[in-house]
PDB file of N, CA and C in Angstrom:
ATOM      1  N   GLN A   1     155.537 131.265 189.307  1.00  0.00           N
ATOM      2  CA  GLN A   1     154.451 131.737 190.146  1.00  0.00           C
ATOM      3  C   GLN A   1     153.283 130.766 190.083  1.00  0.00           C
ATOM      4  N   VAL A   2     152.488 130.842 191.126  1.00  0.00           N
ATOM      5  CA  VAL A   2     151.318 129.971 191.245  1.00  0.00           C
ATOM      6  C   VAL A   2     150.080 130.844 191.409  1.00  0.00           C
ATOM      7  N   GLN A   3     149.025 130.482 190.712  1.00  0.00           N
ATOM      8  CA  GLN A   3     147.755 131.184 190.853  1.00  0.00           C
ATOM      9  C   GLN A   3     146.719 130.211 191.404  1.00  0.00           C
ATOM     10  N   LEU A   4     145.975 130.682 192.381  1.00  0.00           N
ATOM     11  CA  LEU A   4     144.910 129.895 193.000  1.00  0.00           C
ATOM     12  C   LEU A   4     143.619 130.700 192.913  1.00  0.00           C
ATOM     13  N   VAL A   5     142.575 130.086 192.395  1.00  0.00           N
ATOM     14  CA  VAL A   5     141.291 130.762 192.254  1.00  0.00           C
ATOM     15  C   VAL A   5     140.216 129.927 192.930  1.00  0.00           C
ATOM     16  N   GLU A   6     139.619 130.494 193.992  1.00  0.00           N
ATOM     17  CA  GLU A   6     138.554 129.805 194.712  1.00  0.00           C
ATOM     18  C   GLU A   6     137.194 130.168 194.129  1.00  0.00           C
ATOM     19  N   SER A   7     136.240 129.273 194.325  1.00  0.00           N
ATOM     20  CA  SER A   7     134.854 129.532 193.943  1.00  0.00           C
ATOM     21  C   SER A   7     133.941 128.666 194.797  1.00  0.00           C
ATOM     22  N   GLY A   8     132.659 129.009 194.806  1.00  0.00           N
ATOM     23  CA  GLY A   8     131.676 128.183 195.491  1.00  0.00           C
ATOM     24  C   GLY A   8     131.134 128.744 196.788  1.00  0.00           C
ATOM     25  N   GLY A   9     131.669 129.870 197.234  1.00  0.00           N
ATOM     26  CA  GLY A   9     131.151 130.452 198.465  1.00  0.00           C
ATOM     27  C   GLY A   9     129.774 131.057 198.271  1.00  0.00           C
ATOM     28  N   GLY A  10     129.182 131.507 199.377  1.00  0.00           N
ATOM     29  CA  GLY A  10     127.875 132.139 199.294  1.00  0.00           C
ATOM     30  C   GLY A  10     127.184 132.181 200.637  1.00  0.00           C
ATOM     31  N   LEU A  11     125.906 132.522 200.589  1.00  0.00           N
ATOM     32  CA  LEU A  11     125.070 132.593 201.784  1.00  0.00           C
ATOM     33  C   LEU A  11     124.232 131.321 201.863  1.00  0.00           C
ATOM     34  N   VAL A  12     124.256 130.673 203.023  1.00  0.00           N
ATOM     35  CA  VAL A  12     123.535 129.421 203.188  1.00  0.00           C
ATOM     36  C   VAL A  12     122.945 129.353 204.582  1.00  0.00           C
ATOM     37  N   GLN A  13     121.842 128.666 204.716  1.00  0.00           N
ATOM     38  CA  GLN A  13     121.196 128.523 206.019  1.00  0.00           C
ATOM     39  C   GLN A  13     121.913 127.464 206.862  1.00  0.00           C
ATOM     40  N   PRO A  14     121.833 127.583 208.165  1.00  0.00           N
ATOM     41  CA  PRO A  14     122.436 126.549 209.021  1.00  0.00           C
ATOM     42  C   PRO A  14     121.899 125.167 208.687  1.00  0.00           C
ATOM     43  N   GLY A  15     122.795 124.194 208.711  1.00  0.00           N
ATOM     44  CA  GLY A  15     122.432 122.818 208.406  1.00  0.00           C
ATOM     45  C   GLY A  15     122.556 122.449 206.945  1.00  0.00           C
ATOM     46  N   ARG A  16     122.719 123.458 206.085  1.00  0.00           N
ATOM     47  CA  ARG A  16     122.848 123.174 204.653  1.00  0.00           C
ATOM     48  C   ARG A  16     124.301 122.921 204.275  1.00  0.00           C
ATOM     49  N   SER A  17     124.522 122.708 202.970  1.00  0.00           N
ATOM     50  CA  SER A  17     125.858 122.346 202.483  1.00  0.00           C
ATOM     51  C   SER A  17     126.346 123.320 201.421  1.00  0.00           C
ATOM     52  N   LEU A  18     127.661 123.379 201.287  1.00  0.00           N
ATOM     53  CA  LEU A  18     128.322 124.122 200.219  1.00  0.00           C
ATOM     54  C   LEU A  18     129.557 123.335 199.795  1.00  0.00           C
ATOM     55  N   ARG A  19     129.945 123.520 198.542  1.00  0.00           N
ATOM     56  CA  ARG A  19     131.171 122.908 198.053  1.00  0.00           C
ATOM     57  C   ARG A  19     132.076 123.983 197.474  1.00  0.00           C
ATOM     58  N   LEU A  20     133.256 124.113 198.038  1.00  0.00           N
ATOM     59  CA  LEU A  20     134.235 125.069 197.540  1.00  0.00           C
ATOM     60  C   LEU A  20     135.191 124.368 196.575  1.00  0.00           C
ATOM     61  N   SER A  21     135.642 125.122 195.586  1.00  0.00           N
ATOM     62  CA  SER A  21     136.623 124.620 194.639  1.00  0.00           C
ATOM     63  C   SER A  21     137.786 125.584 194.558  1.00  0.00           C
ATOM     64  N   CYS A  22     138.962 125.051 194.256  1.00  0.00           N
ATOM     65  CA  CYS A  22     140.162 125.873 194.080  1.00  0.00           C
ATOM     66  C   CYS A  22     140.932 125.338 192.878  1.00  0.00           C
ATOM     67  N   ALA A  23     141.063 126.171 191.876  1.00  0.00           N
ATOM     68  CA  ALA A  23     141.813 125.792 190.679  1.00  0.00           C
ATOM     69  C   ALA A  23     143.218 126.359 190.760  1.00  0.00           C
ATOM     70  N   ALA A  24     144.201 125.490 190.685  1.00  0.00           N
ATOM     71  CA  ALA A  24     145.598 125.905 190.758  1.00  0.00           C
ATOM     72  C   ALA A  24     146.216 125.881 189.367  1.00  0.00           C
ATOM     73  N   SER A  25     147.002 126.902 189.066  1.00  0.00           N
ATOM     74  CA  SER A  25     147.677 126.959 187.770  1.00  0.00           C
ATOM     75  C   SER A  25     149.017 127.657 187.939  1.00  0.00           C
ATOM     76  N   GLY A  26     149.811 127.611 186.873  1.00  0.00           N
ATOM     77  CA  GLY A  26     151.113 128.265 186.914  1.00  0.00           C
ATOM     78  C   GLY A  26     152.229 127.246 187.018  1.00  0.00           C
ATOM     79  N   SER A  27     153.306 127.637 187.701  1.00  0.00           N
ATOM     80  CA  SER A  27     154.500 126.821 187.800  1.00  0.00           C
ATOM     81  C   SER A  27     154.366 125.806 188.942  1.00  0.00           C
ATOM     82  N   ILE A  28     153.577 124.784 188.712  1.00  0.00           N
ATOM     83  CA  ILE A  28     153.349 123.768 189.739  1.00  0.00           C
ATOM     84  C   ILE A  28     154.158 122.537 189.362  1.00  0.00           C
ATOM     85  N   PHE A  29     155.420 122.533 189.764  1.00  0.00           N
ATOM     86  CA  PHE A  29     156.299 121.424 189.424  1.00  0.00           C
ATOM     87  C   PHE A  29     156.153 120.271 190.407  1.00  0.00           C
ATOM     88  N   SER A  30     155.614 120.555 191.566  1.00  0.00           N
ATOM     89  CA  SER A  30     155.323 119.517 192.550  1.00  0.00           C
ATOM     90  C   SER A  30     154.351 120.110 193.551  1.00  0.00           C
ATOM     91  N   ILE A  31     153.746 119.244 194.338  1.00  0.00           N
ATOM     92  CA  ILE A  31     152.849 119.704 195.396  1.00  0.00           C
ATOM     93  C   ILE A  31     153.207 118.999 196.691  1.00  0.00           C
ATOM     94  N   TYR A  32     153.570 119.771 197.688  1.00  0.00           N
ATOM     95  CA  TYR A  32     153.870 119.230 199.016  1.00  0.00           C
ATOM     96  C   TYR A  32     152.582 119.068 199.812  1.00  0.00           C
ATOM     97  N   THR A  33     151.750 120.093 199.768  1.00  0.00           N
ATOM     98  CA  THR A  33     150.463 120.024 200.439  1.00  0.00           C
ATOM     99  C   THR A  33     149.549 121.105 199.879  1.00  0.00           C
ATOM    100  N   MET A  34     148.277 120.843 199.921  1.00  0.00           N
ATOM    101  CA  MET A  34     147.262 121.844 199.605  1.00  0.00           C
ATOM    102  C   MET A  34     146.252 121.846 200.736  1.00  0.00           C
ATOM    103  N   GLY A  35     145.623 122.973 200.932  1.00  0.00           N
ATOM    104  CA  GLY A  35     144.682 123.023 202.033  1.00  0.00           C
ATOM    105  C   GLY A  35     143.740 124.203 201.971  1.00  0.00           C
ATOM    106  N   TRP A  36     142.799 124.194 202.889  1.00  0.00           N
ATOM    107  CA  TRP A  36     141.845 125.287 203.063  1.00  0.00           C
ATOM    108  C   TRP A  36     142.045 125.910 204.437  1.00  0.00           C
ATOM    109  N   TYR A  37     142.070 127.226 204.448  1.00  0.00           N
ATOM    110  CA  TYR A  37     142.126 128.001 205.674  1.00  0.00           C
ATOM    111  C   TYR A  37     140.909 128.924 205.684  1.00  0.00           C
ATOM    112  N   ARG A  38     140.600 129.453 206.846  1.00  0.00           N
ATOM    113  CA  ARG A  38     139.524 130.432 206.927  1.00  0.00           C
ATOM    114  C   ARG A  38     139.865 131.510 207.932  1.00  0.00           C
ATOM    115  N   GLN A  39     139.263 132.667 207.719  1.00  0.00           N
ATOM    116  CA  GLN A  39     139.481 133.791 208.621  1.00  0.00           C
ATOM    117  C   GLN A  39     138.160 134.507 208.841  1.00  0.00           C
ATOM    118  N   ALA A  40     137.727 134.489 210.086  1.00  0.00           N
ATOM    119  CA  ALA A  40     136.513 135.200 210.468  1.00  0.00           C
ATOM    120  C   ALA A  40     136.885 136.612 210.909  1.00  0.00           C
ATOM    121  N   PRO A  41     135.946 137.538 210.884  1.00  0.00           N
ATOM    122  CA  PRO A  41     136.242 138.920 211.293  1.00  0.00           C
ATOM    123  C   PRO A  41     136.815 138.975 212.697  1.00  0.00           C
ATOM    124  N   GLY A  42     137.942 139.668 212.847  1.00  0.00           N
ATOM    125  CA  GLY A  42     138.551 139.834 214.154  1.00  0.00           C
ATOM    126  C   GLY A  42     139.324 138.634 214.659  1.00  0.00           C
ATOM    127  N   LYS A  43     139.450 137.604 213.824  1.00  0.00           N
ATOM    128  CA  LYS A  43     140.146 136.394 214.239  1.00  0.00           C
ATOM    129  C   LYS A  43     141.317 136.109 213.320  1.00  0.00           C
ATOM    130  N   GLN A  44     142.237 135.270 213.804  1.00  0.00           N
ATOM    131  CA  GLN A  44     143.371 134.878 212.983  1.00  0.00           C
ATOM    132  C   GLN A  44     142.956 133.832 211.952  1.00  0.00           C
ATOM    133  N   ARG A  45     143.716 133.784 210.875  1.00  0.00           N
ATOM    134  CA  ARG A  45     143.481 132.754 209.879  1.00  0.00           C
ATOM    135  C   ARG A  45     143.816 131.394 210.493  1.00  0.00           C
ATOM    136  N   GLU A  46     142.946 130.403 210.236  1.00  0.00           N
ATOM    137  CA  GLU A  46     143.144 129.088 210.829  1.00  0.00           C
ATOM    138  C   GLU A  46     143.019 127.996 209.772  1.00  0.00           C
ATOM    139  N   LEU A  47     143.719 126.896 210.017  1.00  0.00           N
ATOM    140  CA  LEU A  47     143.635 125.750 209.123  1.00  0.00           C
ATOM    141  C   LEU A  47     142.270 125.086 209.281  1.00  0.00           C
ATOM    142  N   VAL A  48     141.654 124.777 208.152  1.00  0.00           N
ATOM    143  CA  VAL A  48     140.406 124.028 208.153  1.00  0.00           C
ATOM    144  C   VAL A  48     140.693 122.572 207.813  1.00  0.00           C
ATOM    145  N   ALA A  49     141.399 122.356 206.703  1.00  0.00           N
ATOM    146  CA  ALA A  49     141.721 121.002 206.266  1.00  0.00           C
ATOM    147  C   ALA A  49     142.877 121.062 205.293  1.00  0.00           C
ATOM    148  N   ALA A  50     143.676 119.984 205.267  1.00  0.00           N
ATOM    149  CA  ALA A  50     144.805 119.905 204.356  1.00  0.00           C
ATOM    150  C   ALA A  50     144.899 118.491 203.816  1.00  0.00           C
ATOM    151  N   ILE A  51     145.542 118.355 202.644  1.00  0.00           N
ATOM    152  CA  ILE A  51     145.692 117.056 202.020  1.00  0.00           C
ATOM    153  C   ILE A  51     147.042 116.989 201.321  1.00  0.00           C
ATOM    154  N   THR A  52     147.692 115.827 201.421  1.00  0.00           N
ATOM    155  CA  THR A  52     148.972 115.615 200.761  1.00  0.00           C
ATOM    156  C   THR A  52     148.743 114.877 199.451  1.00  0.00           C
ATOM    157  N   PRO A  53     149.764 114.831 198.589  1.00  0.00           N
ATOM    158  CA  PRO A  53     149.611 114.107 197.327  1.00  0.00           C
ATOM    159  C   PRO A  53     149.245 112.636 197.510  1.00  0.00           C
ATOM    160  N   SER A  54     149.662 112.051 198.618  1.00  0.00           N
ATOM    161  CA  SER A  54     149.331 110.644 198.863  1.00  0.00           C
ATOM    162  C   SER A  54     147.910 110.458 199.355  1.00  0.00           C
ATOM    163  N   GLY A  55     147.247 111.568 199.659  1.00  0.00           N
ATOM    164  CA  GLY A  55     145.862 111.496 200.104  1.00  0.00           C
ATOM    165  C   GLY A  55     145.663 111.604 201.600  1.00  0.00           C
ATOM    166  N   SER A  56     146.735 111.769 202.347  1.00  0.00           N
ATOM    167  CA  SER A  56     146.595 111.953 203.791  1.00  0.00           C
ATOM    168  C   SER A  56     145.920 113.283 204.072  1.00  0.00           C
ATOM    169  N   THR A  57     144.991 113.264 205.019  1.00  0.00           N
ATOM    170  CA  THR A  57     144.215 114.464 205.326  1.00  0.00           C
ATOM    171  C   THR A  57     144.361 114.853 206.788  1.00  0.00           C
ATOM    172  N   ASN A  58     144.104 116.116 207.041  1.00  0.00           N
ATOM    173  CA  ASN A  58     144.162 116.658 208.389  1.00  0.00           C
ATOM    174  C   ASN A  58     143.046 117.685 208.510  1.00  0.00           C
ATOM    175  N   TYR A  59     142.275 117.616 209.586  1.00  0.00           N
ATOM    176  CA  TYR A  59     141.138 118.511 209.775  1.00  0.00           C
ATOM    177  C   TYR A  59     141.210 119.219 211.117  1.00  0.00           C
ATOM    178  N   ALA A  60     140.703 120.431 211.143  1.00  0.00           N
ATOM    179  CA  ALA A  60     140.500 121.103 212.415  1.00  0.00           C
ATOM    180  C   ALA A  60     139.416 120.358 213.188  1.00  0.00           C
ATOM    181  N   ASP A  61     139.557 120.311 214.495  1.00  0.00           N
ATOM    182  CA  ASP A  61     138.580 119.589 215.309  1.00  0.00           C
ATOM    183  C   ASP A  61     137.163 120.110 215.092  1.00  0.00           C
ATOM    184  N   SER A  62     137.040 121.394 214.845  1.00  0.00           N
ATOM    185  CA  SER A  62     135.716 122.008 214.722  1.00  0.00           C
ATOM    186  C   SER A  62     134.961 121.577 213.473  1.00  0.00           C
ATOM    187  N   VAL A  63     135.652 120.982 212.495  1.00  0.00           N
ATOM    188  CA  VAL A  63     134.983 120.595 211.250  1.00  0.00           C
ATOM    189  C   VAL A  63     135.011 119.096 211.012  1.00  0.00           C
ATOM    190  N   LYS A  64     135.671 118.337 211.866  1.00  0.00           N
ATOM    191  CA  LYS A  64     135.751 116.893 211.686  1.00  0.00           C
ATOM    192  C   LYS A  64     134.358 116.282 211.653  1.00  0.00           C
ATOM    193  N   GLY A  65     134.155 115.410 210.671  1.00  0.00           N
ATOM    194  CA  GLY A  65     132.857 114.765 210.520  1.00  0.00           C
ATOM    195  C   GLY A  65     131.853 115.567 209.715  1.00  0.00           C
ATOM    196  N   ARG A  66     132.156 116.834 209.440  1.00  0.00           N
ATOM    197  CA  ARG A  66     131.238 117.670 208.657  1.00  0.00           C
ATOM    198  C   ARG A  66     131.843 118.095 207.317  1.00  0.00           C
ATOM    199  N   PHE A  67     133.146 118.328 207.302  1.00  0.00           N
ATOM    200  CA  PHE A  67     133.830 118.789 206.091  1.00  0.00           C
ATOM    201  C   PHE A  67     134.688 117.671 205.521  1.00  0.00           C
ATOM    202  N   THR A  68     134.808 117.654 204.203  1.00  0.00           N
ATOM    203  CA  THR A  68     135.662 116.684 203.536  1.00  0.00           C
ATOM    204  C   THR A  68     136.504 117.391 202.480  1.00  0.00           C
ATOM    205  N   ILE A  69     137.804 117.216 202.573  1.00  0.00           N
ATOM    206  CA  ILE A  69     138.716 117.788 201.585  1.00  0.00           C
ATOM    207  C   ILE A  69     139.074 116.708 200.577  1.00  0.00           C
ATOM    208  N   SER A  70     139.157 117.111 199.311  1.00  0.00           N
ATOM    209  CA  SER A  70     139.550 116.171 198.269  1.00  0.00           C
ATOM    210  C   SER A  70     140.293 116.931 197.179  1.00  0.00           C
ATOM    211  N   ARG A  71     140.917 116.169 196.313  1.00  0.00           N
ATOM    212  CA  ARG A  71     141.752 116.794 195.286  1.00  0.00           C
ATOM    213  C   ARG A  71     141.716 115.983 194.012  1.00  0.00           C
ATOM    214  N   HIS A  72     141.618 116.668 192.885  1.00  0.00           N
ATOM    215  CA  HIS A  72     141.722 116.051 191.578  1.00  0.00           C
ATOM    216  C   HIS A  72     143.157 116.278 191.129  1.00  0.00           C
ATOM    217  N   ASN A  73     143.998 115.252 191.236  1.00  0.00           N
ATOM    218  CA  ASN A  73     145.436 115.433 191.031  1.00  0.00           C
ATOM    219  C   ASN A  73     145.790 115.928 189.639  1.00  0.00           C
ATOM    220  N   THR A  74     145.205 115.345 188.619  1.00  0.00           N
ATOM    221  CA  THR A  74     145.619 115.708 187.267  1.00  0.00           C
ATOM    222  C   THR A  74     145.163 117.113 186.894  1.00  0.00           C
ATOM    223  N   LYS A  75     144.109 117.572 187.524  1.00  0.00           N
ATOM    224  CA  LYS A  75     143.603 118.909 187.217  1.00  0.00           C
ATOM    225  C   LYS A  75     144.096 119.952 188.215  1.00  0.00           C
ATOM    226  N   ASN A  76     144.864 119.514 189.213  1.00  0.00           N
ATOM    227  CA  ASN A  76     145.334 120.443 190.254  1.00  0.00           C
ATOM    228  C   ASN A  76     144.181 121.259 190.825  1.00  0.00           C
ATOM    229  N   THR A  77     143.110 120.581 191.104  1.00  0.00           N
ATOM    230  CA  THR A  77     141.928 121.227 191.669  1.00  0.00           C
ATOM    231  C   THR A  77     141.655 120.666 193.052  1.00  0.00           C
ATOM    232  N   LEU A  78     141.360 121.564 193.969  1.00  0.00           N
ATOM    233  CA  LEU A  78     141.098 121.204 195.361  1.00  0.00           C
ATOM    234  C   LEU A  78     139.647 121.498 195.680  1.00  0.00           C
ATOM    235  N   TYR A  79     139.040 120.634 196.495  1.00  0.00           N
ATOM    236  CA  TYR A  79     137.648 120.814 196.867  1.00  0.00           C
ATOM    237  C   TYR A  79     137.489 120.784 198.393  1.00  0.00           C
ATOM    238  N   LEU A  80     136.429 121.401 198.850  1.00  0.00           N
ATOM    239  CA  LEU A  80     136.044 121.296 200.253  1.00  0.00           C
ATOM    240  C   LEU A  80     134.532 121.149 200.302  1.00  0.00           C
ATOM    241  N   GLN A  81     134.083 119.961 200.633  1.00  0.00           N
ATOM    242  CA  GLN A  81     132.654 119.715 200.807  1.00  0.00           C
ATOM    243  C   GLN A  81     132.301 120.029 202.247  1.00  0.00           C
ATOM    244  N   MET A  82     131.404 120.971 202.440  1.00  0.00           N
ATOM    245  CA  MET A  82     131.032 121.416 203.775  1.00  0.00           C
ATOM    246  C   MET A  82     129.564 121.075 204.020  1.00  0.00           C
ATOM    247  N   ASN A  83     129.331 120.178 204.961  1.00  0.00           N
ATOM    248  CA  ASN A  83     127.981 119.762 205.319  1.00  0.00           C
ATOM    249  C   ASN A  83     127.636 120.242 206.724  1.00  0.00           C
ATOM    250  N   SER A  84     126.355 120.240 207.020  1.00  0.00           N
ATOM    251  CA  SER A  84     125.878 120.629 208.357  1.00  0.00           C
ATOM    252  C   SER A  84     126.527 121.937 208.814  1.00  0.00           C
ATOM    253  N   LEU A  85     126.459 122.928 207.959  1.00  0.00           N
ATOM    254  CA  LEU A  85     127.123 124.196 208.253  1.00  0.00           C
ATOM    255  C   LEU A  85     126.498 124.892 209.453  1.00  0.00           C
ATOM    256  N   LYS A  86     127.349 125.570 210.192  1.00  0.00           N
ATOM    257  CA  LYS A  86     126.942 126.285 211.390  1.00  0.00           C
ATOM    258  C   LYS A  86     127.273 127.774 211.235  1.00  0.00           C
ATOM    259  N   PRO A  87     126.597 128.635 211.966  1.00  0.00           N
ATOM    260  CA  PRO A  87     126.934 130.069 211.890  1.00  0.00           C
ATOM    261  C   PRO A  87     128.397 130.348 212.182  1.00  0.00           C
ATOM    262  N   GLU A  88     129.004 129.561 213.050  1.00  0.00           N
ATOM    263  CA  GLU A  88     130.420 129.778 213.376  1.00  0.00           C
ATOM    264  C   GLU A  88     131.366 129.376 212.253  1.00  0.00           C
ATOM    265  N   ASP A  89     130.849 128.783 211.198  1.00  0.00           N
ATOM    266  CA  ASP A  89     131.667 128.493 210.014  1.00  0.00           C
ATOM    267  C   ASP A  89     131.784 129.715 209.098  1.00  0.00           C
ATOM    268  N   THR A  90     131.057 130.766 209.422  1.00  0.00           N
ATOM    269  CA  THR A  90     131.108 131.984 208.612  1.00  0.00           C
ATOM    270  C   THR A  90     132.509 132.572 208.617  1.00  0.00           C
ATOM    271  N   ALA A  91     133.059 132.763 207.426  1.00  0.00           N
ATOM    272  CA  ALA A  91     134.433 133.268 207.299  1.00  0.00           C
ATOM    273  C   ALA A  91     134.758 133.422 205.819  1.00  0.00           C
ATOM    274  N   VAL A  92     135.909 134.033 205.560  1.00  0.00           N
ATOM    275  CA  VAL A  92     136.481 133.983 204.219  1.00  0.00           C
ATOM    276  C   VAL A  92     137.377 132.749 204.160  1.00  0.00           C
ATOM    277  N   TYR A  93     137.140 131.920 203.165  1.00  0.00           N
ATOM    278  CA  TYR A  93     137.883 130.680 203.011  1.00  0.00           C
ATOM    279  C   TYR A  93     138.951 130.860 201.930  1.00  0.00           C
ATOM    280  N   TYR A  94     140.175 130.464 202.270  1.00  0.00           N
ATOM    281  CA  TYR A  94     141.317 130.632 201.387  1.00  0.00           C
ATOM    282  C   TYR A  94     141.911 129.279 201.012  1.00  0.00           C
ATOM    283  N   CYS A  95     142.283 129.156 199.768  1.00  0.00           N
ATOM    284  CA  CYS A  95     143.003 127.992 199.278  1.00  0.00           C
ATOM    285  C   CYS A  95     144.505 128.244 199.473  1.00  0.00           C
ATOM    286  N   ASN A  96     145.211 127.196 199.835  1.00  0.00           N
ATOM    287  CA  ASN A  96     146.648 127.295 200.110  1.00  0.00           C
ATOM    288  C   ASN A  96     147.401 126.177 199.402  1.00  0.00           C
ATOM    289  N   LEU A  97     148.581 126.490 198.906  1.00  0.00           N
ATOM    290  CA  LEU A  97     149.417 125.488 198.248  1.00  0.00           C
ATOM    291  C   LEU A  97     150.874 125.720 198.604  1.00  0.00           C
ATOM    292  N   LYS A  98     151.580 124.621 198.873  1.00  0.00           N
ATOM    293  CA  LYS A  98     153.039 124.647 199.034  1.00  0.00           C
ATOM    294  C   LYS A  98     153.608 123.610 198.086  1.00  0.00           C
ATOM    295  N   ARG A  99     154.593 123.999 197.283  1.00  0.00           N
ATOM    296  CA  ARG A  99     155.155 123.064 196.311  1.00  0.00           C
ATOM    297  C   ARG A  99     156.210 122.158 196.935  1.00  0.00           C
ATOM    298  N   THR A 100     156.925 122.679 197.916  1.00  0.00           N
ATOM    299  CA  THR A 100     157.902 121.894 198.662  1.00  0.00           C
ATOM    300  C   THR A 100     157.821 122.299 200.124  1.00  0.00           C
ATOM    301  N   MET A 101     158.537 121.577 200.965  1.00  0.00           N
ATOM    302  CA  MET A 101     158.504 121.874 202.385  1.00  0.00           C
ATOM    303  C   MET A 101     159.007 123.287 202.670  1.00  0.00           C
ATOM    304  N   THR A 102     159.976 123.756 201.892  1.00  0.00           N
ATOM    305  CA  THR A 102     160.553 125.070 202.134  1.00  0.00           C
ATOM    306  C   THR A 102     159.974 126.153 201.222  1.00  0.00           C
ATOM    307  N   ASP A 103     159.003 125.797 200.398  1.00  0.00           N
ATOM    308  CA  ASP A 103     158.389 126.742 199.477  1.00  0.00           C
ATOM    309  C   ASP A 103     157.555 127.747 200.257  1.00  0.00           C
ATOM    310  N   PRO A 104     157.432 128.955 199.773  1.00  0.00           N
ATOM    311  CA  PRO A 104     156.495 129.882 200.421  1.00  0.00           C
ATOM    312  C   PRO A 104     155.061 129.425 200.217  1.00  0.00           C
ATOM    313  N   ASN A 105     154.180 129.902 201.075  1.00  0.00           N
ATOM    314  CA  ASN A 105     152.765 129.618 200.920  1.00  0.00           C
ATOM    315  C   ASN A 105     152.181 130.460 199.798  1.00  0.00           C
ATOM    316  N   TYR A 106     151.409 129.830 198.954  1.00  0.00           N
ATOM    317  CA  TYR A 106     150.628 130.545 197.949  1.00  0.00           C
ATOM    318  C   TYR A 106     149.176 130.557 198.387  1.00  0.00           C
ATOM    319  N   TRP A 107     148.521 131.698 198.176  1.00  0.00           N
ATOM    320  CA  TRP A 107     147.137 131.873 198.625  1.00  0.00           C
ATOM    321  C   TRP A 107     146.246 132.342 197.487  1.00  0.00           C
ATOM    322  N   GLY A 108     144.996 131.901 197.546  1.00  0.00           N
ATOM    323  CA  GLY A 108     144.004 132.451 196.648  1.00  0.00           C
ATOM    324  C   GLY A 108     143.469 133.764 197.203  1.00  0.00           C
ATOM    325  N   GLN A 109     142.512 134.344 196.489  1.00  0.00           N
ATOM    326  CA  GLN A 109     141.955 135.630 196.895  1.00  0.00           C
ATOM    327  C   GLN A 109     140.881 135.479 197.963  1.00  0.00           C
ATOM    328  N   GLY A 110     140.421 134.264 198.169  1.00  0.00           N
ATOM    329  CA  GLY A 110     139.422 134.000 199.196  1.00  0.00           C
ATOM    330  C   GLY A 110     138.010 134.011 198.654  1.00  0.00           C
ATOM    331  N   THR A 111     137.145 133.236 199.296  1.00  0.00           N
ATOM    332  CA  THR A 111     135.725 133.220 198.948  1.00  0.00           C
ATOM    333  C   THR A 111     134.915 133.274 200.244  1.00  0.00           C
ATOM    334  N   GLN A 112     133.909 134.139 200.260  1.00  0.00           N
ATOM    335  CA  GLN A 112     133.127 134.362 201.483  1.00  0.00           C
ATOM    336  C   GLN A 112     132.087 133.263 201.652  1.00  0.00           C
ATOM    337  N   VAL A 113     132.052 132.700 202.847  1.00  0.00           N
ATOM    338  CA  VAL A 113     130.997 131.758 203.233  1.00  0.00           C
ATOM    339  C   VAL A 113     130.258 132.365 204.420  1.00  0.00           C
ATOM    340  N   THR A 114     128.956 132.541 204.261  1.00  0.00           N
ATOM    341  CA  THR A 114     128.130 133.101 205.321  1.00  0.00           C
ATOM    342  C   THR A 114     127.025 132.114 205.644  1.00  0.00           C
ATOM    343  N   VAL A 115     126.968 131.711 206.902  1.00  0.00           N
ATOM    344  CA  VAL A 115     125.941 130.768 207.359  1.00  0.00           C
ATOM    345  C   VAL A 115     124.995 131.521 208.282  1.00  0.00           C
ATOM    346  N   SER A 116     123.788 131.723 207.814  1.00  0.00           N
ATOM    347  CA  SER A 116     122.840 132.530 208.573  1.00  0.00           C
ATOM    348  C   SER A 116     121.421 132.181 208.154  1.00  0.00           C
ATOM    349  N   SER A 117     120.521 132.257 209.118  1.00  0.00           N
ATOM    350  CA  SER A 117     119.112 132.044 208.809  1.00  0.00           C
ATOM    351  C   SER A 117     118.433 133.357 208.452  1.00  0.00           C
TER     352      SER A 117
END
């Protein structure tokens, strides 16, 4: 089993920054991809950013240029630096991990990010 614990969410004013962290533990024999997803009220969960072990990244168009995903490989820790936050970034942010291409998705419990003046 894999455990993912997110932290770093909170209430922030528009234009400010937040940094999310995700600590992964458990039976992590390999990592195919890790990423951040978010779900706003009444909306489907959507990909925010993902990163492969080689460092390749993928971002949703809505966050390109504002968010940066990174990973500390030896610590199995994932980060999401969020700059120039907008009210539409308000959502619960979830950490995601897949150990192989056919592995099930593992999810954290989520951390709330609220962008409001």
